[in-house]
Amino acid sequence: LFFRKYSCWNKKKVREEDRLIAFQDEAGFQLTANVGCTYAPKGQTPVLVADAKFYTKVSVSAIISIQGDLFYDVRANETFKSMATRRLLEHTAKDFKKRLFLLWDNAPIHRSQIIKDFLQEQQDKKTKHDVYVSFIPTYSPELNPIEQLWGYIKNVLLKNTFCKTAKELKEKVIRSLEIVKKDKELIKSFFRHKDCCYILS
Protein backbone atom coordinates (compact mmCIF):
# COMPACT_ATOMS: atom_id res chain seq x y z
CA LEU A 1 0.00 0.00 0.00
CA PHE A 2 1.11 3.53 -0.69
CA PHE A 3 0.81 6.18 2.01
CA ARG A 4 2.20 9.64 2.14
CA LYS A 5 4.75 10.03 4.88
CA TYR A 6 3.21 11.42 8.09
CA SER A 7 -0.24 11.13 6.54
CA CYS A 8 -3.33 11.26 8.74
CA TRP A 9 -5.45 9.40 6.21
CA ASN A 10 -7.34 6.35 7.40
CA LYS A 11 -4.75 3.60 6.91
CA LYS A 12 -6.67 1.25 9.22
CA LYS A 13 -9.75 1.39 7.01
CA VAL A 14 -7.69 0.67 3.92
CA ARG A 15 -6.00 -2.36 5.46
CA GLU A 16 -8.97 -3.88 7.30
CA GLU A 17 -11.36 -3.53 4.37
CA ASP A 18 -8.71 -4.32 1.75
CA ARG A 19 -9.45 -1.18 -0.24
CA LEU A 20 -7.56 -0.03 -3.30
CA ILE A 21 -6.16 3.50 -3.02
CA ALA A 22 -7.01 5.79 -5.92
CA PHE A 23 -6.95 9.52 -6.66
CA GLN A 24 -9.31 11.65 -8.77
CA ASP A 25 -9.10 15.10 -10.31
CA GLU A 26 -10.32 17.23 -13.22
CA ALA A 27 -8.27 19.22 -15.72
CA GLY A 28 -8.85 21.46 -18.73
CA PHE A 29 -7.01 21.50 -22.06
CA GLN A 30 -7.12 24.52 -24.39
CA LEU A 31 -6.72 24.85 -28.14
CA THR A 32 -3.70 27.12 -27.70
CA ALA A 33 -0.42 25.26 -27.69
CA ASN A 34 1.51 24.60 -24.49
CA VAL A 35 4.78 25.98 -25.83
CA GLY A 36 7.96 24.43 -24.49
CA CYS A 37 10.43 26.37 -26.63
CA THR A 38 10.34 28.81 -29.53
CA TYR A 39 12.50 31.22 -31.53
CA ALA A 40 12.72 35.01 -31.35
CA PRO A 41 15.20 37.75 -32.26
CA LYS A 42 17.89 38.23 -29.61
CA GLY A 43 16.73 40.56 -26.86
CA GLN A 44 13.02 40.36 -27.85
CA THR A 45 10.66 38.34 -25.70
CA PRO A 46 8.38 36.25 -27.95
CA VAL A 47 4.67 36.99 -27.68
CA LEU A 48 1.99 34.56 -28.77
CA VAL A 49 -1.20 36.21 -30.01
CA ALA A 50 -4.39 34.14 -29.95
CA ASP A 51 -7.97 34.90 -30.83
CA ALA A 52 -10.49 34.66 -27.98
CA LYS A 53 -12.19 31.71 -29.68
CA PHE A 54 -9.10 29.66 -28.90
CA TYR A 55 -10.15 29.52 -25.27
CA THR A 56 -12.47 26.67 -26.17
CA LYS A 57 -11.41 23.79 -23.99
CA VAL A 58 -11.70 20.06 -23.40
CA SER A 59 -12.38 18.86 -19.85
CA VAL A 60 -11.07 15.60 -18.41
CA SER A 61 -11.99 13.80 -15.22
CA ALA A 62 -9.66 10.93 -14.34
CA ILE A 63 -8.92 8.38 -11.63
CA ILE A 64 -5.57 6.65 -11.12
CA SER A 65 -4.74 3.84 -8.71
CA ILE A 66 -1.55 2.73 -7.00
CA GLN A 67 -1.67 -0.39 -9.20
CA GLY A 68 -1.17 1.73 -12.30
CA ASP A 69 -4.78 1.84 -13.50
CA LEU A 70 -6.31 4.82 -15.28
CA PHE A 71 -9.99 5.57 -15.87
CA TYR A 72 -11.21 8.77 -17.46
CA ASP A 73 -14.03 10.69 -19.10
CA VAL A 74 -13.51 13.46 -21.67
CA ARG A 75 -15.91 16.27 -22.65
CA ALA A 76 -15.59 19.09 -25.16
CA ASN A 77 -16.90 22.55 -24.27
CA GLU A 78 -18.47 21.19 -21.10
CA THR A 79 -17.29 21.16 -17.51
CA PHE A 80 -17.80 18.18 -15.25
CA LYS A 81 -20.76 18.30 -12.92
CA SER A 82 -21.90 16.09 -10.08
CA MET A 83 -23.88 13.57 -12.14
CA ALA A 84 -21.02 12.99 -14.58
CA THR A 85 -18.65 12.52 -11.64
CA ARG A 86 -21.05 10.04 -10.08
CA ARG A 87 -21.18 7.99 -13.29
CA LEU A 88 -17.38 7.92 -13.46
CA LEU A 89 -17.22 6.64 -9.87
CA GLU A 90 -19.80 3.95 -10.60
CA HIS A 91 -18.04 2.68 -13.71
CA THR A 92 -14.60 2.81 -12.12
CA ALA A 93 -15.69 0.88 -9.02
CA LYS A 94 -17.20 -1.86 -11.16
CA ASP A 95 -14.15 -2.12 -13.41
CA PHE A 96 -11.74 -2.29 -10.47
CA LYS A 97 -13.85 -5.05 -8.93
CA LYS A 98 -12.51 -3.99 -5.58
CA ARG A 99 -13.56 -1.57 -2.85
CA LEU A 100 -12.03 1.84 -3.41
CA PHE A 101 -10.45 4.33 -1.03
CA LEU A 102 -10.67 7.47 -3.14
CA LEU A 103 -8.88 10.72 -2.39
CA TRP A 104 -9.77 14.00 -4.08
CA ASP A 105 -9.89 17.74 -3.49
CA ASN A 106 -12.64 19.85 -1.95
CA ALA A 107 -14.22 20.98 -5.21
CA PRO A 108 -17.95 21.82 -4.87
CA ILE A 109 -18.99 18.93 -7.12
CA HIS A 110 -17.21 16.52 -4.77
CA ARG A 111 -19.29 17.79 -1.85
CA SER A 112 -22.61 17.99 -3.70
CA GLN A 113 -25.80 16.27 -2.59
CA ILE A 114 -25.68 14.00 -5.63
CA ILE A 115 -22.32 12.60 -4.55
CA LYS A 116 -23.43 12.33 -0.92
CA ASP A 117 -26.53 10.40 -1.99
CA PHE A 118 -24.44 8.07 -4.14
CA LEU A 119 -22.07 7.26 -1.27
CA GLN A 120 -24.99 6.74 1.10
CA GLU A 121 -26.73 4.41 -1.36
CA GLN A 122 -23.63 2.28 -1.58
CA GLN A 123 -23.34 2.12 2.18
CA ASP A 124 -27.00 1.15 2.54
CA LYS A 125 -26.78 -1.55 -0.13
CA LYS A 126 -23.45 -2.79 1.23
CA THR A 127 -22.13 -3.26 -2.30
CA LYS A 128 -18.98 -5.29 -2.89
CA HIS A 129 -17.40 -2.52 -4.92
CA ASP A 130 -18.29 0.56 -2.91
CA VAL A 131 -16.28 3.78 -2.69
CA TYR A 132 -14.99 5.41 0.49
CA VAL A 133 -14.07 9.06 -0.02
CA SER A 134 -11.49 11.16 1.80
CA PHE A 135 -10.45 14.74 1.06
CA ILE A 136 -6.97 16.06 0.37
CA PRO A 137 -6.15 19.12 2.52
CA THR A 138 -7.36 22.39 1.01
CA TYR A 139 -5.01 24.22 -1.38
CA SER A 140 -2.56 21.32 -1.65
CA PRO A 141 -2.72 19.96 -5.21
CA GLU A 142 0.86 18.72 -4.81
CA LEU A 143 -0.50 15.94 -2.59
CA ASN A 144 -2.46 14.51 -5.52
CA PRO A 145 -0.25 12.37 -7.80
CA ILE A 146 -2.73 12.79 -10.64
CA GLU A 147 -1.30 16.29 -11.07
CA GLN A 148 1.73 14.50 -12.52
CA LEU A 149 -0.57 12.95 -15.11
CA TRP A 150 -1.78 16.36 -16.26
CA GLY A 151 1.78 17.67 -16.36
CA TYR A 152 3.00 14.71 -18.41
CA ILE A 153 0.25 15.03 -20.97
CA LYS A 154 0.50 18.82 -21.31
CA ASN A 155 4.30 19.16 -21.15
CA VAL A 156 5.36 15.95 -22.91
CA LEU A 157 2.68 14.33 -25.07
CA LEU A 158 0.94 17.54 -26.17
CA LYS A 159 3.90 19.90 -25.97
CA ASN A 160 3.89 22.44 -28.84
CA THR A 161 0.67 20.91 -30.15
CA PHE A 162 -1.88 23.25 -31.71
CA CYS A 163 -5.50 22.31 -32.51
CA LYS A 164 -8.00 24.19 -34.66
CA THR A 165 -11.18 22.70 -33.21
CA ALA A 166 -12.44 21.21 -29.94
CA LYS A 167 -13.03 17.93 -31.78
CA GLU A 168 -9.40 17.74 -32.85
CA LEU A 169 -8.20 18.60 -29.36
CA LYS A 170 -10.49 15.99 -27.80
CA GLU A 171 -9.11 13.30 -30.10
CA LYS A 172 -5.52 14.20 -29.22
CA VAL A 173 -6.27 14.30 -25.49
CA ILE A 174 -7.90 10.86 -25.66
CA ARG A 175 -4.96 9.52 -27.66
CA SER A 176 -2.59 10.82 -25.00
CA LEU A 177 -4.64 9.30 -22.18
CA GLU A 178 -4.61 5.94 -23.94
CA ILE A 179 -0.82 6.09 -24.26
CA VAL A 180 -0.51 6.67 -20.52
CA LYS A 181 -3.13 4.03 -19.71
CA LYS A 182 -1.03 1.35 -21.37
CA ASP A 183 2.02 2.23 -19.26
CA LYS A 184 1.29 1.10 -15.71
CA GLU A 185 4.85 1.75 -14.54
CA LEU A 186 4.56 5.36 -15.66
CA ILE A 187 1.35 5.80 -13.67
CA LYS A 188 2.97 4.23 -10.60
CA SER A 189 5.86 6.66 -10.93
CA PHE A 190 3.44 9.55 -10.41
CA PHE A 191 3.02 8.37 -6.81
CA ARG A 192 6.78 8.41 -6.25
CA HIS A 193 7.30 11.94 -7.57
CA LYS A 194 9.26 14.18 -5.19
CA ASP A 195 6.30 16.56 -4.82
CA CYS A 196 4.07 13.74 -3.60
CA CYS A 197 6.53 11.70 -1.51
CA TYR A 198 4.35 8.60 -1.23
CA ILE A 199 6.11 5.63 0.28
CA LEU A 200 5.45 1.91 0.36
CA SER A 201 4.07 0.85 3.74
C-alpha atoms as a PDB file:
ATOM      1  CA  LEU A   1       0.000   0.000   0.000  1.00  0.00           C
ATOM      2  CA  PHE A   2       1.107   3.533  -0.693  1.00  0.00           C
ATOM      3  CA  PHE A   3       0.808   6.178   2.012  1.00  0.00           C
ATOM      4  CA  ARG A   4       2.204   9.640   2.140  1.00  0.00           C
ATOM      5  CA  LYS A   5       4.750  10.028   4.884  1.00  0.00           C
ATOM      6  CA  TYR A   6       3.213  11.423   8.095  1.00  0.00           C
ATOM      7  CA  SER A   7      -0.243  11.135   6.536  1.00  0.00           C
ATOM      8  CA  CYS A   8      -3.331  11.258   8.743  1.00  0.00           C
ATOM      9  CA  TRP A   9      -5.449   9.395   6.208  1.00  0.00           C
ATOM     10  CA  ASN A  10      -7.337   6.347   7.395  1.00  0.00           C
ATOM     11  CA  LYS A  11      -4.750   3.596   6.910  1.00  0.00           C
ATOM     12  CA  LYS A  12      -6.667   1.250   9.215  1.00  0.00           C
ATOM     13  CA  LYS A  13      -9.754   1.390   7.007  1.00  0.00           C
ATOM     14  CA  VAL A  14      -7.686   0.669   3.924  1.00  0.00           C
ATOM     15  CA  ARG A  15      -5.996  -2.362   5.459  1.00  0.00           C
ATOM     16  CA  GLU A  16      -8.967  -3.883   7.304  1.00  0.00           C
ATOM     17  CA  GLU A  17     -11.362  -3.530   4.366  1.00  0.00           C
ATOM     18  CA  ASP A  18      -8.707  -4.319   1.748  1.00  0.00           C
ATOM     19  CA  ARG A  19      -9.451  -1.176  -0.242  1.00  0.00           C
ATOM     20  CA  LEU A  20      -7.563  -0.032  -3.297  1.00  0.00           C
ATOM     21  CA  ILE A  21      -6.155   3.498  -3.015  1.00  0.00           C
ATOM     22  CA  ALA A  22      -7.007   5.792  -5.921  1.00  0.00           C
ATOM     23  CA  PHE A  23      -6.951   9.523  -6.660  1.00  0.00           C
ATOM     24  CA  GLN A  24      -9.313  11.647  -8.766  1.00  0.00           C
ATOM     25  CA  ASP A  25      -9.103  15.099 -10.311  1.00  0.00           C
ATOM     26  CA  GLU A  26     -10.324  17.230 -13.216  1.00  0.00           C
ATOM     27  CA  ALA A  27      -8.267  19.219 -15.721  1.00  0.00           C
ATOM     28  CA  GLY A  28      -8.850  21.457 -18.727  1.00  0.00           C
ATOM     29  CA  PHE A  29      -7.006  21.495 -22.064  1.00  0.00           C
ATOM     30  CA  GLN A  30      -7.121  24.518 -24.387  1.00  0.00           C
ATOM     31  CA  LEU A  31      -6.716  24.854 -28.141  1.00  0.00           C
ATOM     32  CA  THR A  32      -3.699  27.122 -27.701  1.00  0.00           C
ATOM     33  CA  ALA A  33      -0.415  25.258 -27.695  1.00  0.00           C
ATOM     34  CA  ASN A  34       1.506  24.595 -24.492  1.00  0.00           C
ATOM     35  CA  VAL A  35       4.781  25.982 -25.828  1.00  0.00           C
ATOM     36  CA  GLY A  36       7.956  24.432 -24.494  1.00  0.00           C
ATOM     37  CA  CYS A  37      10.430  26.366 -26.633  1.00  0.00           C
ATOM     38  CA  THR A  38      10.340  28.806 -29.529  1.00  0.00           C
ATOM     39  CA  TYR A  39      12.501  31.218 -31.528  1.00  0.00           C
ATOM     40  CA  ALA A  40      12.716  35.010 -31.348  1.00  0.00           C
ATOM     41  CA  PRO A  41      15.205  37.745 -32.257  1.00  0.00           C
ATOM     42  CA  LYS A  42      17.888  38.228 -29.610  1.00  0.00           C
ATOM     43  CA  GLY A  43      16.734  40.557 -26.856  1.00  0.00           C
ATOM     44  CA  GLN A  44      13.024  40.357 -27.849  1.00  0.00           C
ATOM     45  CA  THR A  45      10.655  38.337 -25.696  1.00  0.00           C
ATOM     46  CA  PRO A  46       8.384  36.248 -27.949  1.00  0.00           C
ATOM     47  CA  VAL A  47       4.671  36.994 -27.679  1.00  0.00           C
ATOM     48  CA  LEU A  48       1.987  34.556 -28.770  1.00  0.00           C
ATOM     49  CA  VAL A  49      -1.200  36.214 -30.010  1.00  0.00           C
ATOM     50  CA  ALA A  50      -4.389  34.135 -29.946  1.00  0.00           C
ATOM     51  CA  ASP A  51      -7.971  34.899 -30.834  1.00  0.00           C
ATOM     52  CA  ALA A  52     -10.491  34.662 -27.978  1.00  0.00           C
ATOM     53  CA  LYS A  53     -12.190  31.710 -29.679  1.00  0.00           C
ATOM     54  CA  PHE A  54      -9.095  29.657 -28.900  1.00  0.00           C
ATOM     55  CA  TYR A  55     -10.146  29.522 -25.269  1.00  0.00           C
ATOM     56  CA  THR A  56     -12.473  26.668 -26.170  1.00  0.00           C
ATOM     57  CA  LYS A  57     -11.415  23.786 -23.992  1.00  0.00           C
ATOM     58  CA  VAL A  58     -11.695  20.056 -23.399  1.00  0.00           C
ATOM     59  CA  SER A  59     -12.380  18.861 -19.849  1.00  0.00           C
ATOM     60  CA  VAL A  60     -11.074  15.599 -18.414  1.00  0.00           C
ATOM     61  CA  SER A  61     -11.990  13.797 -15.218  1.00  0.00           C
ATOM     62  CA  ALA A  62      -9.664  10.934 -14.339  1.00  0.00           C
ATOM     63  CA  ILE A  63      -8.921   8.384 -11.634  1.00  0.00           C
ATOM     64  CA  ILE A  64      -5.569   6.654 -11.125  1.00  0.00           C
ATOM     65  CA  SER A  65      -4.743   3.836  -8.710  1.00  0.00           C
ATOM     66  CA  ILE A  66      -1.548   2.728  -7.004  1.00  0.00           C
ATOM     67  CA  GLN A  67      -1.668  -0.394  -9.200  1.00  0.00           C
ATOM     68  CA  GLY A  68      -1.170   1.726 -12.300  1.00  0.00           C
ATOM     69  CA  ASP A  69      -4.778   1.844 -13.498  1.00  0.00           C
ATOM     70  CA  LEU A  70      -6.308   4.824 -15.280  1.00  0.00           C
ATOM     71  CA  PHE A  71      -9.990   5.566 -15.873  1.00  0.00           C
ATOM     72  CA  TYR A  72     -11.214   8.774 -17.459  1.00  0.00           C
ATOM     73  CA  ASP A  73     -14.034  10.690 -19.104  1.00  0.00           C
ATOM     74  CA  VAL A  74     -13.514  13.458 -21.670  1.00  0.00           C
ATOM     75  CA  ARG A  75     -15.905  16.265 -22.646  1.00  0.00           C
ATOM     76  CA  ALA A  76     -15.586  19.086 -25.161  1.00  0.00           C
ATOM     77  CA  ASN A  77     -16.904  22.549 -24.269  1.00  0.00           C
ATOM     78  CA  GLU A  78     -18.472  21.190 -21.097  1.00  0.00           C
ATOM     79  CA  THR A  79     -17.287  21.160 -17.514  1.00  0.00           C
ATOM     80  CA  PHE A  80     -17.800  18.179 -15.251  1.00  0.00           C
ATOM     81  CA  LYS A  81     -20.763  18.303 -12.916  1.00  0.00           C
ATOM     82  CA  SER A  82     -21.898  16.086 -10.081  1.00  0.00           C
ATOM     83  CA  MET A  83     -23.885  13.568 -12.143  1.00  0.00           C
ATOM     84  CA  ALA A  84     -21.017  12.994 -14.576  1.00  0.00           C
ATOM     85  CA  THR A  85     -18.655  12.522 -11.639  1.00  0.00           C
ATOM     86  CA  ARG A  86     -21.047  10.041 -10.077  1.00  0.00           C
ATOM     87  CA  ARG A  87     -21.177   7.992 -13.290  1.00  0.00           C
ATOM     88  CA  LEU A  88     -17.375   7.924 -13.457  1.00  0.00           C
ATOM     89  CA  LEU A  89     -17.224   6.639  -9.870  1.00  0.00           C
ATOM     90  CA  GLU A  90     -19.800   3.950 -10.597  1.00  0.00           C
ATOM     91  CA  HIS A  91     -18.039   2.679 -13.711  1.00  0.00           C
ATOM     92  CA  THR A  92     -14.596   2.809 -12.116  1.00  0.00           C
ATOM     93  CA  ALA A  93     -15.689   0.882  -9.015  1.00  0.00           C
ATOM     94  CA  LYS A  94     -17.204  -1.863 -11.163  1.00  0.00           C
ATOM     95  CA  ASP A  95     -14.150  -2.124 -13.408  1.00  0.00           C
ATOM     96  CA  PHE A  96     -11.741  -2.285 -10.474  1.00  0.00           C
ATOM     97  CA  LYS A  97     -13.852  -5.052  -8.928  1.00  0.00           C
ATOM     98  CA  LYS A  98     -12.510  -3.992  -5.576  1.00  0.00           C
ATOM     99  CA  ARG A  99     -13.557  -1.575  -2.850  1.00  0.00           C
ATOM    100  CA  LEU A 100     -12.031   1.839  -3.409  1.00  0.00           C
ATOM    101  CA  PHE A 101     -10.453   4.328  -1.030  1.00  0.00           C
ATOM    102  CA  LEU A 102     -10.674   7.473  -3.139  1.00  0.00           C
ATOM    103  CA  LEU A 103      -8.877  10.723  -2.388  1.00  0.00           C
ATOM    104  CA  TRP A 104      -9.773  14.004  -4.085  1.00  0.00           C
ATOM    105  CA  ASP A 105      -9.891  17.742  -3.487  1.00  0.00           C
ATOM    106  CA  ASN A 106     -12.640  19.852  -1.951  1.00  0.00           C
ATOM    107  CA  ALA A 107     -14.216  20.980  -5.213  1.00  0.00           C
ATOM    108  CA  PRO A 108     -17.949  21.823  -4.865  1.00  0.00           C
ATOM    109  CA  ILE A 109     -18.989  18.930  -7.118  1.00  0.00           C
ATOM    110  CA  HIS A 110     -17.209  16.517  -4.770  1.00  0.00           C
ATOM    111  CA  ARG A 111     -19.292  17.785  -1.847  1.00  0.00           C
ATOM    112  CA  SER A 112     -22.607  17.988  -3.704  1.00  0.00           C
ATOM    113  CA  GLN A 113     -25.798  16.269  -2.590  1.00  0.00           C
ATOM    114  CA  ILE A 114     -25.679  13.998  -5.632  1.00  0.00           C
ATOM    115  CA  ILE A 115     -22.320  12.598  -4.549  1.00  0.00           C
ATOM    116  CA  LYS A 116     -23.426  12.332  -0.918  1.00  0.00           C
ATOM    117  CA  ASP A 117     -26.533  10.402  -1.993  1.00  0.00           C
ATOM    118  CA  PHE A 118     -24.435   8.072  -4.141  1.00  0.00           C
ATOM    119  CA  LEU A 119     -22.069   7.259  -1.272  1.00  0.00           C
ATOM    120  CA  GLN A 120     -24.988   6.744   1.101  1.00  0.00           C
ATOM    121  CA  GLU A 121     -26.730   4.410  -1.356  1.00  0.00           C
ATOM    122  CA  GLN A 122     -23.628   2.277  -1.585  1.00  0.00           C
ATOM    123  CA  GLN A 123     -23.340   2.117   2.175  1.00  0.00           C
ATOM    124  CA  ASP A 124     -26.999   1.147   2.544  1.00  0.00           C
ATOM    125  CA  LYS A 125     -26.776  -1.547  -0.131  1.00  0.00           C
ATOM    126  CA  LYS A 126     -23.453  -2.788   1.226  1.00  0.00           C
ATOM    127  CA  THR A 127     -22.128  -3.259  -2.300  1.00  0.00           C
ATOM    128  CA  LYS A 128     -18.984  -5.295  -2.889  1.00  0.00           C
ATOM    129  CA  HIS A 129     -17.404  -2.517  -4.916  1.00  0.00           C
ATOM    130  CA  ASP A 130     -18.287   0.556  -2.914  1.00  0.00           C
ATOM    131  CA  VAL A 131     -16.281   3.780  -2.689  1.00  0.00           C
ATOM    132  CA  TYR A 132     -14.993   5.412   0.486  1.00  0.00           C
ATOM    133  CA  VAL A 133     -14.066   9.061  -0.024  1.00  0.00           C
ATOM    134  CA  SER A 134     -11.491  11.161   1.800  1.00  0.00           C
ATOM    135  CA  PHE A 135     -10.447  14.743   1.057  1.00  0.00           C
ATOM    136  CA  ILE A 136      -6.970  16.063   0.368  1.00  0.00           C
ATOM    137  CA  PRO A 137      -6.145  19.119   2.517  1.00  0.00           C
ATOM    138  CA  THR A 138      -7.363  22.390   1.013  1.00  0.00           C
ATOM    139  CA  TYR A 139      -5.012  24.215  -1.379  1.00  0.00           C
ATOM    140  CA  SER A 140      -2.559  21.321  -1.650  1.00  0.00           C
ATOM    141  CA  PRO A 141      -2.716  19.959  -5.213  1.00  0.00           C
ATOM    142  CA  GLU A 142       0.864  18.722  -4.814  1.00  0.00           C
ATOM    143  CA  LEU A 143      -0.499  15.938  -2.594  1.00  0.00           C
ATOM    144  CA  ASN A 144      -2.458  14.513  -5.517  1.00  0.00           C
ATOM    145  CA  PRO A 145      -0.245  12.366  -7.797  1.00  0.00           C
ATOM    146  CA  ILE A 146      -2.733  12.787 -10.642  1.00  0.00           C
ATOM    147  CA  GLU A 147      -1.301  16.292 -11.074  1.00  0.00           C
ATOM    148  CA  GLN A 148       1.730  14.498 -12.523  1.00  0.00           C
ATOM    149  CA  LEU A 149      -0.566  12.949 -15.114  1.00  0.00           C
ATOM    150  CA  TRP A 150      -1.778  16.363 -16.258  1.00  0.00           C
ATOM    151  CA  GLY A 151       1.778  17.671 -16.363  1.00  0.00           C
ATOM    152  CA  TYR A 152       3.005  14.711 -18.408  1.00  0.00           C
ATOM    153  CA  ILE A 153       0.248  15.034 -20.975  1.00  0.00           C
ATOM    154  CA  LYS A 154       0.501  18.823 -21.314  1.00  0.00           C
ATOM    155  CA  ASN A 155       4.296  19.162 -21.154  1.00  0.00           C
ATOM    156  CA  VAL A 156       5.357  15.954 -22.911  1.00  0.00           C
ATOM    157  CA  LEU A 157       2.682  14.331 -25.071  1.00  0.00           C
ATOM    158  CA  LEU A 158       0.944  17.542 -26.170  1.00  0.00           C
ATOM    159  CA  LYS A 159       3.904  19.901 -25.974  1.00  0.00           C
ATOM    160  CA  ASN A 160       3.890  22.436 -28.844  1.00  0.00           C
ATOM    161  CA  THR A 161       0.667  20.907 -30.151  1.00  0.00           C
ATOM    162  CA  PHE A 162      -1.877  23.250 -31.710  1.00  0.00           C
ATOM    163  CA  CYS A 163      -5.495  22.315 -32.508  1.00  0.00           C
ATOM    164  CA  LYS A 164      -7.999  24.189 -34.657  1.00  0.00           C
ATOM    165  CA  THR A 165     -11.182  22.700 -33.208  1.00  0.00           C
ATOM    166  CA  ALA A 166     -12.443  21.211 -29.942  1.00  0.00           C
ATOM    167  CA  LYS A 167     -13.033  17.925 -31.776  1.00  0.00           C
ATOM    168  CA  GLU A 168      -9.404  17.737 -32.851  1.00  0.00           C
ATOM    169  CA  LEU A 169      -8.201  18.600 -29.362  1.00  0.00           C
ATOM    170  CA  LYS A 170     -10.491  15.991 -27.796  1.00  0.00           C
ATOM    171  CA  GLU A 171      -9.108  13.305 -30.101  1.00  0.00           C
ATOM    172  CA  LYS A 172      -5.516  14.196 -29.220  1.00  0.00           C
ATOM    173  CA  VAL A 173      -6.269  14.297 -25.492  1.00  0.00           C
ATOM    174  CA  ILE A 174      -7.901  10.857 -25.659  1.00  0.00           C
ATOM    175  CA  ARG A 175      -4.958   9.516 -27.661  1.00  0.00           C
ATOM    176  CA  SER A 176      -2.590  10.824 -25.000  1.00  0.00           C
ATOM    177  CA  LEU A 177      -4.639   9.302 -22.180  1.00  0.00           C
ATOM    178  CA  GLU A 178      -4.607   5.937 -23.942  1.00  0.00           C
ATOM    179  CA  ILE A 179      -0.818   6.094 -24.260  1.00  0.00           C
ATOM    180  CA  VAL A 180      -0.512   6.671 -20.516  1.00  0.00           C
ATOM    181  CA  LYS A 181      -3.134   4.029 -19.707  1.00  0.00           C
ATOM    182  CA  LYS A 182      -1.035   1.346 -21.371  1.00  0.00           C
ATOM    183  CA  ASP A 183       2.020   2.235 -19.263  1.00  0.00           C
ATOM    184  CA  LYS A 184       1.289   1.103 -15.706  1.00  0.00           C
ATOM    185  CA  GLU A 185       4.849   1.748 -14.541  1.00  0.00           C
ATOM    186  CA  LEU A 186       4.557   5.360 -15.664  1.00  0.00           C
ATOM    187  CA  ILE A 187       1.350   5.796 -13.671  1.00  0.00           C
ATOM    188  CA  LYS A 188       2.965   4.229 -10.598  1.00  0.00           C
ATOM    189  CA  SER A 189       5.857   6.659 -10.933  1.00  0.00           C
ATOM    190  CA  PHE A 190       3.440   9.552 -10.407  1.00  0.00           C
ATOM    191  CA  PHE A 191       3.018   8.372  -6.809  1.00  0.00           C
ATOM    192  CA  ARG A 192       6.781   8.415  -6.254  1.00  0.00           C
ATOM    193  CA  HIS A 193       7.295  11.942  -7.566  1.00  0.00           C
ATOM    194  CA  LYS A 194       9.262  14.178  -5.185  1.00  0.00           C
ATOM    195  CA  ASP A 195       6.300  16.561  -4.820  1.00  0.00           C
ATOM    196  CA  CYS A 196       4.073  13.736  -3.603  1.00  0.00           C
ATOM    197  CA  CYS A 197       6.526  11.703  -1.507  1.00  0.00           C
ATOM    198  CA  TYR A 198       4.349   8.602  -1.232  1.00  0.00           C
ATOM    199  CA  ILE A 199       6.113   5.630   0.277  1.00  0.00           C
ATOM    200  CA  LEU A 200       5.450   1.910   0.362  1.00  0.00           C
ATOM    201  CA  SER A 201       4.067   0.846   3.742  1.00  0.00           C
END
